[in-house]
Amino acid sequence: MTKKDSNYVAKVEKAISEKYGEDTIKHPKKDWDEEKEKEYIAQLKELYQKELNEEDIDKVEVNGVFVPRKLINKNSKRSCPICNKYSFMSRDDVYMTKFECCAECYIQWVEDREERWKKGWRPNETNKVKT
């Protein structure tokens, strides 16, 4: 078994200090004082107020509810163009992106017929059966 060097940490700190400079090994609180703390807290409050004001100003009414504009995605694909069902399911996102239909329509119309679907075939009203 090897004997552990009790000065190993000091040697590593010294090597780091020589290579990268004295600032790399000093404690982060060394230069921190009450003045810097107050300045930091003031900056945080200012940033928080700015974000609050932007959210209040930047809201849009959607179906009687005010929603922040940044949450509204104009290119949202939540409604299936085949069955017109609206879905929040994450698995539907995959099918909407790849096949432009929900998971249920994928199972009913696309599964094992991907080539026909990719060529443009879509079910018409006579093919659709209400269940």
N, C-alpha and C. Protein backbone atom coordinates (compact mmCIF):
# COMPACT_ATOMS: atom_id res chain seq x y z
N MET A 1 0.85 -1.18 0.00
CA MET A 1 0.00 0.00 0.00
C MET A 1 0.89 1.24 0.00
N THR A 2 0.52 2.24 -0.81
CA THR A 2 1.33 3.45 -0.89
C THR A 2 1.00 4.40 0.24
N LYS A 3 1.97 5.17 0.64
CA LYS A 3 1.79 6.15 1.71
C LYS A 3 1.18 7.41 1.10
N LYS A 4 0.11 7.93 1.72
CA LYS A 4 -0.57 9.12 1.19
C LYS A 4 0.21 10.37 1.57
N ASP A 5 0.31 11.29 0.63
CA ASP A 5 1.01 12.54 0.86
C ASP A 5 0.04 13.54 1.49
N SER A 6 0.33 14.00 2.67
CA SER A 6 -0.56 14.94 3.37
C SER A 6 -0.53 16.33 2.76
N ASN A 7 0.45 16.64 1.95
CA ASN A 7 0.54 17.96 1.32
C ASN A 7 0.08 17.94 -0.13
N TYR A 8 -0.62 16.88 -0.53
CA TYR A 8 -1.04 16.73 -1.93
C TYR A 8 -1.94 17.89 -2.38
N VAL A 9 -2.92 18.25 -1.56
CA VAL A 9 -3.84 19.33 -1.91
C VAL A 9 -3.09 20.64 -2.10
N ALA A 10 -2.17 20.92 -1.20
CA ALA A 10 -1.37 22.16 -1.29
C ALA A 10 -0.54 22.17 -2.57
N LYS A 11 0.02 21.03 -2.93
CA LYS A 11 0.83 20.94 -4.14
C LYS A 11 -0.04 21.17 -5.39
N VAL A 12 -1.24 20.60 -5.39
CA VAL A 12 -2.15 20.77 -6.53
C VAL A 12 -2.56 22.23 -6.65
N GLU A 13 -2.91 22.86 -5.53
CA GLU A 13 -3.28 24.28 -5.55
C GLU A 13 -2.15 25.13 -6.06
N LYS A 14 -0.95 24.85 -5.63
CA LYS A 14 0.22 25.62 -6.07
C LYS A 14 0.43 25.46 -7.58
N ALA A 15 0.29 24.22 -8.09
CA ALA A 15 0.47 23.98 -9.52
C ALA A 15 -0.60 24.71 -10.34
N ILE A 16 -1.84 24.67 -9.86
CA ILE A 16 -2.93 25.37 -10.56
C ILE A 16 -2.68 26.87 -10.55
N SER A 17 -2.26 27.39 -9.40
CA SER A 17 -2.00 28.82 -9.27
C SER A 17 -0.89 29.26 -10.22
N GLU A 18 0.16 28.47 -10.33
CA GLU A 18 1.27 28.82 -11.23
C GLU A 18 0.84 28.78 -12.69
N LYS A 19 0.00 27.81 -13.03
CA LYS A 19 -0.40 27.65 -14.43
C LYS A 19 -1.49 28.64 -14.85
N TYR A 20 -2.52 28.85 -13.97
CA TYR A 20 -3.68 29.65 -14.37
C TYR A 20 -3.82 30.98 -13.64
N GLY A 21 -3.01 31.24 -12.64
CA GLY A 21 -3.09 32.51 -11.94
C GLY A 21 -3.68 32.37 -10.55
N GLU A 22 -3.45 33.36 -9.74
CA GLU A 22 -3.86 33.35 -8.33
C GLU A 22 -5.37 33.34 -8.16
N ASP A 23 -6.12 33.96 -9.09
CA ASP A 23 -7.58 34.04 -8.97
C ASP A 23 -8.26 32.67 -9.04
N THR A 24 -7.63 31.69 -9.64
CA THR A 24 -8.27 30.38 -9.80
C THR A 24 -8.37 29.58 -8.51
N ILE A 25 -7.56 29.91 -7.52
CA ILE A 25 -7.58 29.11 -6.29
C ILE A 25 -8.16 29.85 -5.09
N LYS A 26 -8.46 31.13 -5.25
CA LYS A 26 -8.99 31.85 -4.09
C LYS A 26 -10.48 31.57 -3.91
N HIS A 27 -10.94 31.68 -2.70
CA HIS A 27 -12.33 31.40 -2.34
C HIS A 27 -13.25 32.45 -2.96
N PRO A 28 -14.40 32.06 -3.50
CA PRO A 28 -15.30 33.02 -4.16
C PRO A 28 -15.79 34.14 -3.22
N LYS A 29 -15.91 33.87 -1.93
CA LYS A 29 -16.39 34.89 -1.00
C LYS A 29 -15.31 35.87 -0.57
N LYS A 30 -14.09 35.67 -0.99
CA LYS A 30 -12.98 36.52 -0.53
C LYS A 30 -13.21 37.99 -0.88
N ASP A 31 -13.65 38.28 -2.09
CA ASP A 31 -13.86 39.67 -2.52
C ASP A 31 -15.31 40.11 -2.38
N TRP A 32 -16.15 39.29 -1.80
CA TRP A 32 -17.57 39.61 -1.67
C TRP A 32 -17.80 40.37 -0.36
N ASP A 33 -18.52 41.50 -0.46
CA ASP A 33 -18.80 42.28 0.75
C ASP A 33 -20.26 42.73 0.74
N GLU A 34 -20.67 43.48 1.76
CA GLU A 34 -22.06 43.93 1.89
C GLU A 34 -22.48 44.80 0.71
N GLU A 35 -21.58 45.63 0.23
CA GLU A 35 -21.90 46.52 -0.90
C GLU A 35 -22.22 45.72 -2.16
N LYS A 36 -21.41 44.71 -2.45
CA LYS A 36 -21.66 43.87 -3.62
C LYS A 36 -22.95 43.06 -3.46
N GLU A 37 -23.23 42.63 -2.25
CA GLU A 37 -24.46 41.88 -1.97
C GLU A 37 -25.68 42.74 -2.24
N LYS A 38 -25.67 43.99 -1.77
CA LYS A 38 -26.79 44.91 -1.99
C LYS A 38 -26.97 45.20 -3.48
N GLU A 39 -25.87 45.41 -4.17
CA GLU A 39 -25.92 45.68 -5.60
C GLU A 39 -26.51 44.47 -6.36
N TYR A 40 -26.10 43.27 -5.97
CA TYR A 40 -26.59 42.04 -6.60
C TYR A 40 -28.09 41.88 -6.37
N ILE A 41 -28.55 42.12 -5.15
CA ILE A 41 -29.98 41.99 -4.84
C ILE A 41 -30.79 43.03 -5.60
N ALA A 42 -30.26 44.25 -5.72
CA ALA A 42 -30.94 45.30 -6.48
C ALA A 42 -31.06 44.90 -7.96
N GLN A 43 -30.03 44.31 -8.51
CA GLN A 43 -30.07 43.86 -9.90
C GLN A 43 -31.11 42.74 -10.09
N LEU A 44 -31.17 41.83 -9.12
CA LEU A 44 -32.17 40.76 -9.20
C LEU A 44 -33.58 41.31 -9.16
N LYS A 45 -33.83 42.27 -8.26
CA LYS A 45 -35.16 42.87 -8.17
C LYS A 45 -35.53 43.58 -9.47
N GLU A 46 -34.58 44.30 -10.02
CA GLU A 46 -34.82 45.03 -11.28
C GLU A 46 -35.15 44.05 -12.41
N LEU A 47 -34.41 42.97 -12.49
CA LEU A 47 -34.66 41.97 -13.52
C LEU A 47 -36.02 41.33 -13.33
N TYR A 48 -36.38 41.00 -12.10
CA TYR A 48 -37.66 40.39 -11.81
C TYR A 48 -38.81 41.32 -12.19
N GLN A 49 -38.71 42.61 -11.83
CA GLN A 49 -39.74 43.58 -12.18
C GLN A 49 -39.89 43.73 -13.69
N LYS A 50 -38.76 43.73 -14.38
CA LYS A 50 -38.78 43.86 -15.84
C LYS A 50 -39.51 42.67 -16.47
N GLU A 51 -39.21 41.45 -16.00
CA GLU A 51 -39.88 40.26 -16.52
C GLU A 51 -41.37 40.27 -16.20
N LEU A 52 -41.72 40.72 -15.00
CA LEU A 52 -43.13 40.81 -14.62
C LEU A 52 -43.89 41.77 -15.52
N ASN A 53 -43.31 42.94 -15.77
CA ASN A 53 -43.95 43.94 -16.62
C ASN A 53 -44.12 43.45 -18.04
N GLU A 54 -43.11 42.76 -18.56
CA GLU A 54 -43.19 42.25 -19.93
C GLU A 54 -44.30 41.22 -20.06
N GLU A 55 -44.46 40.37 -19.05
CA GLU A 55 -45.51 39.36 -19.10
C GLU A 55 -46.89 40.00 -19.05
N ASP A 56 -47.06 41.04 -18.23
CA ASP A 56 -48.36 41.70 -18.14
C ASP A 56 -48.73 42.38 -19.44
N ILE A 57 -47.77 43.01 -20.08
CA ILE A 57 -48.03 43.76 -21.32
C ILE A 57 -48.23 42.81 -22.49
N ASP A 58 -47.49 41.74 -22.53
CA ASP A 58 -47.43 40.88 -23.70
C ASP A 58 -48.37 39.69 -23.58
N LYS A 59 -49.67 39.95 -23.30
CA LYS A 59 -50.66 38.87 -23.22
C LYS A 59 -51.71 39.04 -24.30
N VAL A 60 -52.21 37.91 -24.77
CA VAL A 60 -53.20 37.88 -25.83
C VAL A 60 -54.40 37.09 -25.33
N GLU A 61 -55.59 37.54 -25.71
CA GLU A 61 -56.79 36.82 -25.30
C GLU A 61 -57.06 35.69 -26.27
N VAL A 62 -57.16 34.47 -25.73
CA VAL A 62 -57.45 33.28 -26.53
C VAL A 62 -58.63 32.58 -25.89
N ASN A 63 -59.75 32.58 -26.57
CA ASN A 63 -60.97 31.94 -26.06
C ASN A 63 -61.36 32.43 -24.67
N GLY A 64 -61.24 33.73 -24.44
CA GLY A 64 -61.63 34.33 -23.17
C GLY A 64 -60.59 34.23 -22.08
N VAL A 65 -59.40 33.75 -22.38
CA VAL A 65 -58.34 33.61 -21.39
C VAL A 65 -57.11 34.37 -21.88
N PHE A 66 -56.46 35.13 -20.99
CA PHE A 66 -55.26 35.85 -21.36
C PHE A 66 -54.05 34.93 -21.23
N VAL A 67 -53.31 34.80 -22.32
CA VAL A 67 -52.15 33.90 -22.39
C VAL A 67 -50.94 34.73 -22.82
N PRO A 68 -49.76 34.52 -22.19
CA PRO A 68 -48.56 35.22 -22.65
C PRO A 68 -48.27 34.90 -24.11
N ARG A 69 -47.92 35.92 -24.86
CA ARG A 69 -47.70 35.78 -26.29
C ARG A 69 -46.60 34.76 -26.59
N LYS A 70 -45.59 34.68 -25.73
CA LYS A 70 -44.49 33.76 -26.00
C LYS A 70 -44.90 32.29 -25.91
N LEU A 71 -46.05 32.00 -25.27
CA LEU A 71 -46.52 30.62 -25.20
C LEU A 71 -47.36 30.21 -26.40
N ILE A 72 -47.74 31.18 -27.21
CA ILE A 72 -48.57 30.89 -28.37
C ILE A 72 -47.67 30.58 -29.55
N ASN A 73 -47.88 29.42 -30.12
CA ASN A 73 -47.12 29.01 -31.29
C ASN A 73 -48.08 28.99 -32.46
N LYS A 74 -47.84 29.84 -33.43
CA LYS A 74 -48.75 29.95 -34.58
C LYS A 74 -48.76 28.67 -35.42
N ASN A 75 -47.66 27.91 -35.37
CA ASN A 75 -47.57 26.71 -36.19
C ASN A 75 -47.92 25.46 -35.38
N SER A 76 -48.76 25.61 -34.39
CA SER A 76 -49.10 24.50 -33.53
C SER A 76 -49.89 23.45 -34.31
N LYS A 77 -49.48 22.19 -34.16
CA LYS A 77 -50.17 21.09 -34.82
C LYS A 77 -50.82 20.25 -33.75
N ARG A 78 -51.91 20.72 -33.22
CA ARG A 78 -52.61 20.00 -32.15
C ARG A 78 -53.91 19.37 -32.65
N SER A 79 -54.43 19.83 -33.76
CA SER A 79 -55.67 19.29 -34.30
C SER A 79 -55.34 18.35 -35.45
N CYS A 80 -55.87 17.16 -35.38
CA CYS A 80 -55.63 16.18 -36.45
C CYS A 80 -56.44 16.58 -37.68
N PRO A 81 -55.80 16.72 -38.84
CA PRO A 81 -56.54 17.10 -40.05
C PRO A 81 -57.46 15.99 -40.56
N ILE A 82 -57.28 14.78 -40.11
CA ILE A 82 -58.10 13.66 -40.56
C ILE A 82 -59.39 13.55 -39.75
N CYS A 83 -59.25 13.49 -38.41
CA CYS A 83 -60.44 13.31 -37.57
C CYS A 83 -60.84 14.58 -36.81
N ASN A 84 -60.06 15.65 -36.94
CA ASN A 84 -60.29 16.94 -36.29
C ASN A 84 -60.29 16.86 -34.77
N LYS A 85 -59.64 15.85 -34.21
CA LYS A 85 -59.54 15.71 -32.76
C LYS A 85 -58.38 16.56 -32.26
N TYR A 86 -58.60 17.28 -31.16
CA TYR A 86 -57.58 18.13 -30.56
C TYR A 86 -56.90 17.34 -29.45
N SER A 87 -55.57 17.30 -29.43
CA SER A 87 -54.87 16.46 -28.47
C SER A 87 -53.67 17.15 -27.86
N PHE A 88 -53.44 16.89 -26.57
CA PHE A 88 -52.24 17.34 -25.88
C PHE A 88 -51.27 16.18 -25.64
N MET A 89 -51.59 15.00 -26.13
CA MET A 89 -50.76 13.82 -25.89
C MET A 89 -49.42 13.96 -26.61
N SER A 90 -48.35 13.63 -25.90
CA SER A 90 -47.02 13.75 -26.49
C SER A 90 -46.82 12.74 -27.62
N ARG A 91 -47.45 11.59 -27.53
CA ARG A 91 -47.28 10.60 -28.61
C ARG A 91 -47.91 11.11 -29.90
N ASP A 92 -48.96 11.92 -29.79
CA ASP A 92 -49.57 12.49 -31.00
C ASP A 92 -48.60 13.46 -31.69
N ASP A 93 -47.74 14.11 -30.92
CA ASP A 93 -46.77 15.03 -31.52
C ASP A 93 -45.87 14.30 -32.52
N VAL A 94 -45.48 13.09 -32.18
CA VAL A 94 -44.61 12.31 -33.06
C VAL A 94 -45.32 12.02 -34.37
N TYR A 95 -46.56 11.55 -34.27
CA TYR A 95 -47.31 11.21 -35.48
C TYR A 95 -47.68 12.46 -36.28
N MET A 96 -47.98 13.56 -35.58
CA MET A 96 -48.31 14.80 -36.29
C MET A 96 -47.11 15.31 -37.08
N THR A 97 -45.93 15.18 -36.49
CA THR A 97 -44.72 15.64 -37.17
C THR A 97 -44.39 14.78 -38.38
N LYS A 98 -44.49 13.48 -38.21
CA LYS A 98 -44.05 12.58 -39.27
C LYS A 98 -45.14 12.28 -40.30
N PHE A 99 -46.39 12.09 -39.84
CA PHE A 99 -47.45 11.65 -40.76
C PHE A 99 -48.62 12.62 -40.86
N GLU A 100 -48.60 13.72 -40.13
CA GLU A 100 -49.65 14.73 -40.15
C GLU A 100 -51.01 14.14 -39.77
N CYS A 101 -51.01 13.32 -38.71
CA CYS A 101 -52.24 12.78 -38.16
C CYS A 101 -52.00 12.37 -36.71
N CYS A 102 -53.08 12.14 -35.97
CA CYS A 102 -52.94 11.73 -34.56
C CYS A 102 -52.59 10.24 -34.48
N ALA A 103 -52.34 9.77 -33.28
CA ALA A 103 -51.95 8.37 -33.09
C ALA A 103 -53.07 7.42 -33.49
N GLU A 104 -54.31 7.76 -33.17
CA GLU A 104 -55.44 6.90 -33.53
C GLU A 104 -55.60 6.79 -35.05
N CYS A 105 -55.48 7.93 -35.73
CA CYS A 105 -55.58 7.90 -37.20
C CYS A 105 -54.40 7.15 -37.80
N TYR A 106 -53.23 7.28 -37.17
CA TYR A 106 -52.07 6.52 -37.66
C TYR A 106 -52.37 5.03 -37.61
N ILE A 107 -52.91 4.57 -36.48
CA ILE A 107 -53.20 3.14 -36.33
C ILE A 107 -54.26 2.69 -37.34
N GLN A 108 -55.29 3.53 -37.51
CA GLN A 108 -56.39 3.14 -38.39
C GLN A 108 -56.03 3.26 -39.87
N TRP A 109 -55.33 4.33 -40.29
CA TRP A 109 -55.16 4.63 -41.71
C TRP A 109 -53.74 4.46 -42.23
N VAL A 110 -52.72 4.64 -41.40
CA VAL A 110 -51.35 4.71 -41.92
C VAL A 110 -50.54 3.44 -41.66
N GLU A 111 -50.70 2.86 -40.49
CA GLU A 111 -49.86 1.74 -40.09
C GLU A 111 -49.88 0.63 -41.15
N ASP A 112 -48.69 0.17 -41.54
CA ASP A 112 -48.48 -0.83 -42.59
C ASP A 112 -48.83 -0.33 -43.99
N ARG A 113 -49.18 0.96 -44.13
CA ARG A 113 -49.47 1.55 -45.44
C ARG A 113 -48.75 2.89 -45.58
N GLU A 114 -47.55 2.97 -45.02
CA GLU A 114 -46.82 4.24 -45.01
C GLU A 114 -46.53 4.77 -46.42
N GLU A 115 -46.18 3.87 -47.33
CA GLU A 115 -45.85 4.31 -48.69
C GLU A 115 -47.04 4.98 -49.35
N ARG A 116 -48.22 4.40 -49.22
CA ARG A 116 -49.43 5.00 -49.80
C ARG A 116 -49.70 6.36 -49.16
N TRP A 117 -49.50 6.45 -47.85
CA TRP A 117 -49.73 7.70 -47.13
C TRP A 117 -48.75 8.78 -47.59
N LYS A 118 -47.49 8.39 -47.76
CA LYS A 118 -46.47 9.35 -48.18
C LYS A 118 -46.72 9.85 -49.61
N LYS A 119 -47.36 9.04 -50.42
CA LYS A 119 -47.68 9.44 -51.79
C LYS A 119 -48.86 10.40 -51.86
N GLY A 120 -49.56 10.57 -50.72
CA GLY A 120 -50.62 11.57 -50.69
C GLY A 120 -52.01 11.04 -50.44
N TRP A 121 -52.20 9.74 -50.32
CA TRP A 121 -53.53 9.20 -50.07
C TRP A 121 -54.03 9.62 -48.70
N ARG A 122 -55.28 10.04 -48.64
CA ARG A 122 -55.93 10.38 -47.38
C ARG A 122 -57.35 9.83 -47.42
N PRO A 123 -57.90 9.43 -46.28
CA PRO A 123 -59.27 8.90 -46.28
C PRO A 123 -60.27 10.00 -46.60
N ASN A 124 -61.28 9.67 -47.39
CA ASN A 124 -62.34 10.65 -47.66
C ASN A 124 -63.54 10.31 -46.79
N GLU A 125 -64.63 11.03 -46.92
CA GLU A 125 -65.80 10.86 -46.05
C GLU A 125 -66.41 9.47 -46.18
N THR A 126 -66.32 8.84 -47.36
CA THR A 126 -66.90 7.52 -47.52
C THR A 126 -66.03 6.46 -46.83
N ASN A 127 -64.72 6.69 -46.74
CA ASN A 127 -63.82 5.75 -46.07
C ASN A 127 -63.93 5.84 -44.56
N LYS A 128 -64.22 7.04 -44.04
CA LYS A 128 -64.27 7.24 -42.60
C LYS A 128 -65.53 6.62 -42.03
N VAL A 129 -65.37 5.88 -40.96
CA VAL A 129 -66.51 5.26 -40.29
C VAL A 129 -66.55 5.81 -38.89
N LYS A 130 -67.69 6.38 -38.50
CA LYS A 130 -67.84 6.93 -37.15
C LYS A 130 -67.98 5.79 -36.17
N THR A 131 -67.18 5.82 -35.09
CA THR A 131 -67.28 4.77 -34.08
C THR A 131 -67.79 5.35 -32.78
